[in-house]
Each structure stands twice: as C-alpha cells, then as structure tokens.
Amino acid sequence: MLTYFSNSLGKARNRYRNFVAEGNFNTPNRNLSGGGLIRSAGGWEAVSRFRKEHIYCIGDERILGDSTFIEQSLKHDILELQRSESLERKGWNLEKLIEEVCLLHSVKEQRLLGKNRDKNVSRAKSVICYWATEVLNISRKEIAARLRLSQSAVSYRAINGCEYCEKENIEFDALFE
C-alpha cells in the first residue's frame, strides 16, 4: 500500500502518516477504500450475482482497495521478487553486499561486527540493512545473524539506511547494476 504514496519507503511512510493525520479520505483517485472483497462488492448477494454473470474480482485482505488496485499491488510484488531473483543470479547475496558497501564507505568488514560509534560504520550497517531487505529481499533474521544485531535493530537500521540514501541520493541500481 505504501507504494501508492511513493516508490521510496521513507517518503511513502511520511506521506501516508500525513494522509492519515489530515483525515481527508474523500480525496479523488485514492484507492484506499476496502474492508475485504465481500464488503467492497456489496455483500454475499452481490458476489453470488457476480459469479452467475461470470464477473470475477480479485481480493486480498492484506491490501485495501478495489480489484484494479489489488492487481497492480500484487503485480508490483511479483516484479520486486523477480528483480531480487535476477540480482541473486548475478551473484548478489548478503556477503557481496557487505563487501561492496564496505568498499563504498571505506570500512573494514570486521568493524561491522563490533559495537562501534564511528559514523561511516553506522552508515554502512544501515545501508546494508536497507538494501538487503528492500533490494535483495533477504530476511531480517539472516541479516541480524550475520551482522550480530537483533531483528528489530535490522528494521531500525533499514529505515535509517533508506533516509540516508534518499538524503544523499544514493541508489543501488546506479551504483551496482
């Protein structure tokens, strides 16, 4: 749903928070209505009528919106998965990401594993967490084990990494593809 507000995770979250804070849900072209396929369709009777008339709707209770919006969201998920699989075929994994980000930030890999207050080390960890979760689709559990962090620390650092990359206009694709 956040991609409806922006392709950038940090911007999307901020825009969504502002959207909710404004409370103006009647804005045109907002596909954020929902409550499940049955309710959106008008109840069980409407769904039965659709089936008799061979009209099919896609529903996914995790996504708010009409069938078209849900189809687009699911298609986006498939494209993201295909992208991460393509990067994996090109040899991208957590180890390669760590190596490349350490080179980018002039940090030795060993320094990532200890408690360190150095700004470059902190940024490198954050960027690794961000790109590992969002670009390479690596689990937080795997990242946490490799970097000796908790899973919640990986999530927190991923947010920081996103904000840093946006601020500095650093994109994975521009650097490594």
Protein backbone atom coordinates (compact mmCIF):
# COMPACT_ATOMS: atom_id res chain seq x y z
CA MET A 1 0.00 0.00 0.00
CA LEU A 2 2.85 2.40 0.76
CA THR A 3 3.99 2.38 -2.88
CA TYR A 4 0.77 4.22 -3.67
CA PHE A 5 2.30 7.22 -1.88
CA SER A 6 5.88 6.91 -3.17
CA ASN A 7 8.36 4.37 -4.51
CA SER A 8 10.72 5.37 -1.72
CA LEU A 9 9.94 3.67 1.59
CA GLY A 10 10.79 6.69 3.78
CA LYS A 11 8.83 9.18 1.68
CA ALA A 12 5.90 6.77 1.41
CA ARG A 13 5.72 6.36 5.18
CA ASN A 14 5.82 10.13 5.75
CA ARG A 15 3.19 10.80 3.10
CA TYR A 16 0.96 8.05 4.48
CA ARG A 17 1.27 9.46 8.02
CA ASN A 18 0.35 12.92 6.69
CA PHE A 19 -2.56 11.44 4.75
CA VAL A 20 -3.93 9.74 7.86
CA ALA A 21 -3.29 12.83 10.02
CA GLU A 22 -5.23 15.02 7.57
CA GLY A 23 -8.16 12.62 7.77
CA ASN A 24 -9.34 13.57 4.28
CA PHE A 25 -10.28 10.17 2.92
CA ASN A 26 -12.60 11.54 0.25
CA THR A 27 -9.72 12.71 -1.93
CA PRO A 28 -10.29 11.81 -5.59
CA ASN A 29 -8.30 8.92 -7.08
CA ARG A 30 -7.48 7.39 -3.70
CA ASN A 31 -7.92 3.63 -3.90
CA LEU A 32 -7.70 3.20 -0.18
CA SER A 33 -11.23 2.05 0.42
CA GLY A 34 -11.70 -1.53 1.43
CA GLY A 35 -12.75 -3.83 4.19
CA GLY A 36 -12.49 -7.06 2.27
CA LEU A 37 -13.76 -8.29 -1.04
CA ILE A 38 -17.22 -9.28 0.20
CA ARG A 39 -18.00 -5.93 1.83
CA SER A 40 -16.48 -3.97 -1.06
CA ALA A 41 -18.61 -5.89 -3.55
CA GLY A 42 -21.80 -5.15 -1.62
CA GLY A 43 -22.18 -8.34 0.39
CA TRP A 44 -22.64 -12.03 -0.38
CA GLU A 45 -25.63 -11.42 -2.65
CA ALA A 46 -23.57 -9.20 -4.93
CA VAL A 47 -20.75 -11.75 -5.05
CA SER A 48 -23.25 -14.51 -5.95
CA ARG A 49 -24.65 -12.30 -8.71
CA PHE A 50 -21.12 -11.63 -10.00
CA ARG A 51 -20.44 -15.36 -10.19
CA LYS A 52 -23.68 -16.01 -12.08
CA GLU A 53 -22.77 -13.25 -14.52
CA HIS A 54 -19.16 -14.55 -14.79
CA ILE A 55 -17.70 -11.36 -13.32
CA TYR A 56 -14.60 -12.01 -11.26
CA CYS A 57 -12.96 -9.73 -8.72
CA ILE A 58 -9.59 -10.13 -7.13
CA GLY A 59 -9.42 -9.68 -3.40
CA ASP A 60 -6.63 -9.85 -0.88
CA GLU A 61 -7.46 -8.98 2.72
CA ARG A 62 -3.94 -7.61 3.26
CA ILE A 63 -4.47 -4.87 0.66
CA LEU A 64 -7.03 -2.07 0.87
CA GLY A 65 -8.58 -1.06 -2.45
CA ASP A 66 -10.59 -2.22 -5.43
CA SER A 67 -9.71 -5.13 -7.77
CA THR A 68 -7.62 -2.99 -10.12
CA PHE A 69 -5.55 -1.58 -7.27
CA ILE A 70 -5.06 -5.06 -5.78
CA GLU A 71 -4.00 -6.47 -9.17
CA GLN A 72 -1.44 -3.66 -9.53
CA SER A 73 -0.14 -4.23 -5.99
CA LEU A 74 0.26 -7.96 -6.48
CA LYS A 75 1.92 -7.38 -9.87
CA HIS A 76 4.37 -4.97 -8.18
CA ASP A 77 5.20 -7.66 -5.59
CA ILE A 78 5.89 -10.16 -8.36
CA LEU A 79 8.14 -7.67 -10.19
CA GLU A 80 10.10 -6.98 -6.98
CA LEU A 81 10.54 -10.71 -6.39
CA GLN A 82 11.71 -11.20 -9.99
CA ARG A 83 14.18 -8.34 -9.53
CA SER A 84 15.69 -9.83 -6.38
CA GLU A 85 15.92 -13.24 -8.10
CA SER A 86 17.67 -11.60 -11.08
CA LEU A 87 20.19 -9.93 -8.74
CA GLU A 88 20.75 -13.25 -6.99
CA ARG A 89 21.51 -14.89 -10.36
CA LYS A 90 24.08 -12.13 -10.94
CA GLY A 91 25.82 -13.17 -7.72
CA TRP A 92 24.28 -10.69 -5.30
CA ASN A 93 23.91 -12.06 -1.81
CA LEU A 94 24.46 -10.71 1.68
CA GLU A 95 28.21 -11.32 1.59
CA LYS A 96 28.69 -9.49 -1.71
CA LEU A 97 26.51 -6.61 -0.50
CA ILE A 98 28.55 -6.27 2.70
CA GLU A 99 31.78 -6.30 0.70
CA GLU A 100 30.57 -3.63 -1.76
CA VAL A 101 29.06 -1.33 0.89
CA CYS A 102 32.23 -1.57 2.98
CA LEU A 103 34.25 -0.50 -0.07
CA LEU A 104 31.79 2.32 -0.74
CA HIS A 105 32.09 3.64 2.83
CA SER A 106 35.81 2.83 3.33
CA VAL A 107 35.05 0.49 6.23
CA LYS A 108 36.71 -2.83 7.09
CA GLU A 109 34.21 -5.68 7.38
CA GLN A 110 35.44 -6.66 10.85
CA ARG A 111 34.38 -3.26 12.19
CA LEU A 112 30.74 -4.01 11.29
CA LEU A 113 30.55 -6.80 13.84
CA GLY A 114 31.55 -4.90 16.96
CA LYS A 115 29.89 -2.10 18.81
CA ASN A 116 31.23 0.94 17.07
CA ARG A 117 30.17 4.58 17.15
CA ASP A 118 32.06 5.56 14.00
CA LYS A 119 29.73 7.39 11.59
CA ASN A 120 30.95 5.50 8.50
CA VAL A 121 30.48 2.13 10.19
CA SER A 122 26.99 3.08 11.33
CA ARG A 123 26.02 4.31 7.87
CA ALA A 124 27.44 1.20 6.24
CA LYS A 125 25.40 -1.05 8.57
CA SER A 126 22.27 0.97 7.87
CA VAL A 127 22.74 0.87 4.10
CA ILE A 128 23.43 -2.88 4.23
CA CYS A 129 20.24 -3.45 6.24
CA TYR A 130 18.21 -1.26 3.86
CA TRP A 131 19.46 -2.73 0.59
CA ALA A 132 19.49 -6.29 1.94
CA THR A 133 15.83 -6.11 2.97
CA GLU A 134 14.42 -3.88 0.24
CA VAL A 135 16.53 -4.68 -2.83
CA LEU A 136 17.81 -8.22 -2.29
CA ASN A 137 14.80 -9.41 -0.28
CA ILE A 138 16.97 -11.05 2.38
CA SER A 139 15.29 -11.92 5.67
CA ARG A 140 15.91 -9.75 8.70
CA LYS A 141 16.78 -12.89 10.61
CA GLU A 142 19.66 -13.71 8.23
CA ILE A 143 20.93 -10.11 8.28
CA ALA A 144 20.71 -9.98 12.07
CA ALA A 145 22.72 -13.19 12.44
CA ARG A 146 25.43 -12.03 10.03
CA LEU A 147 25.80 -8.51 11.48
CA ARG A 148 25.30 -9.62 15.10
CA LEU A 149 22.22 -7.44 15.55
CA SER A 150 18.69 -8.08 16.74
CA GLN A 151 15.97 -8.30 14.09
CA SER A 152 14.43 -5.10 15.42
CA ALA A 153 17.81 -3.37 15.09
CA VAL A 154 17.92 -4.51 11.45
CA SER A 155 14.49 -2.93 10.88
CA TYR A 156 15.55 0.28 12.61
CA ARG A 157 18.79 0.47 10.64
CA ALA A 158 16.94 -0.24 7.37
CA ILE A 159 14.81 2.85 7.99
CA ASN A 160 17.93 4.89 8.71
CA GLY A 161 19.58 3.48 5.60
CA CYS A 162 16.58 4.46 3.49
CA GLU A 163 16.62 8.01 4.85
CA TYR A 164 20.38 8.30 4.32
CA CYS A 165 20.17 7.01 0.72
CA GLU A 166 17.33 9.43 -0.05
CA LYS A 167 19.15 12.37 1.51
CA GLU A 168 22.41 11.61 -0.30
CA ASN A 169 20.63 10.48 -3.49
CA ILE A 170 22.36 7.08 -3.43
CA GLU A 171 20.66 4.31 -5.39
CA PHE A 172 21.62 0.66 -5.51
CA ASP A 173 20.85 0.44 -9.22
CA ALA A 174 23.02 3.43 -10.07
CA LEU A 175 25.99 2.04 -8.17
CA PHE A 176 25.91 -1.66 -8.84
CA GLU A 177 23.87 -2.58 -11.92
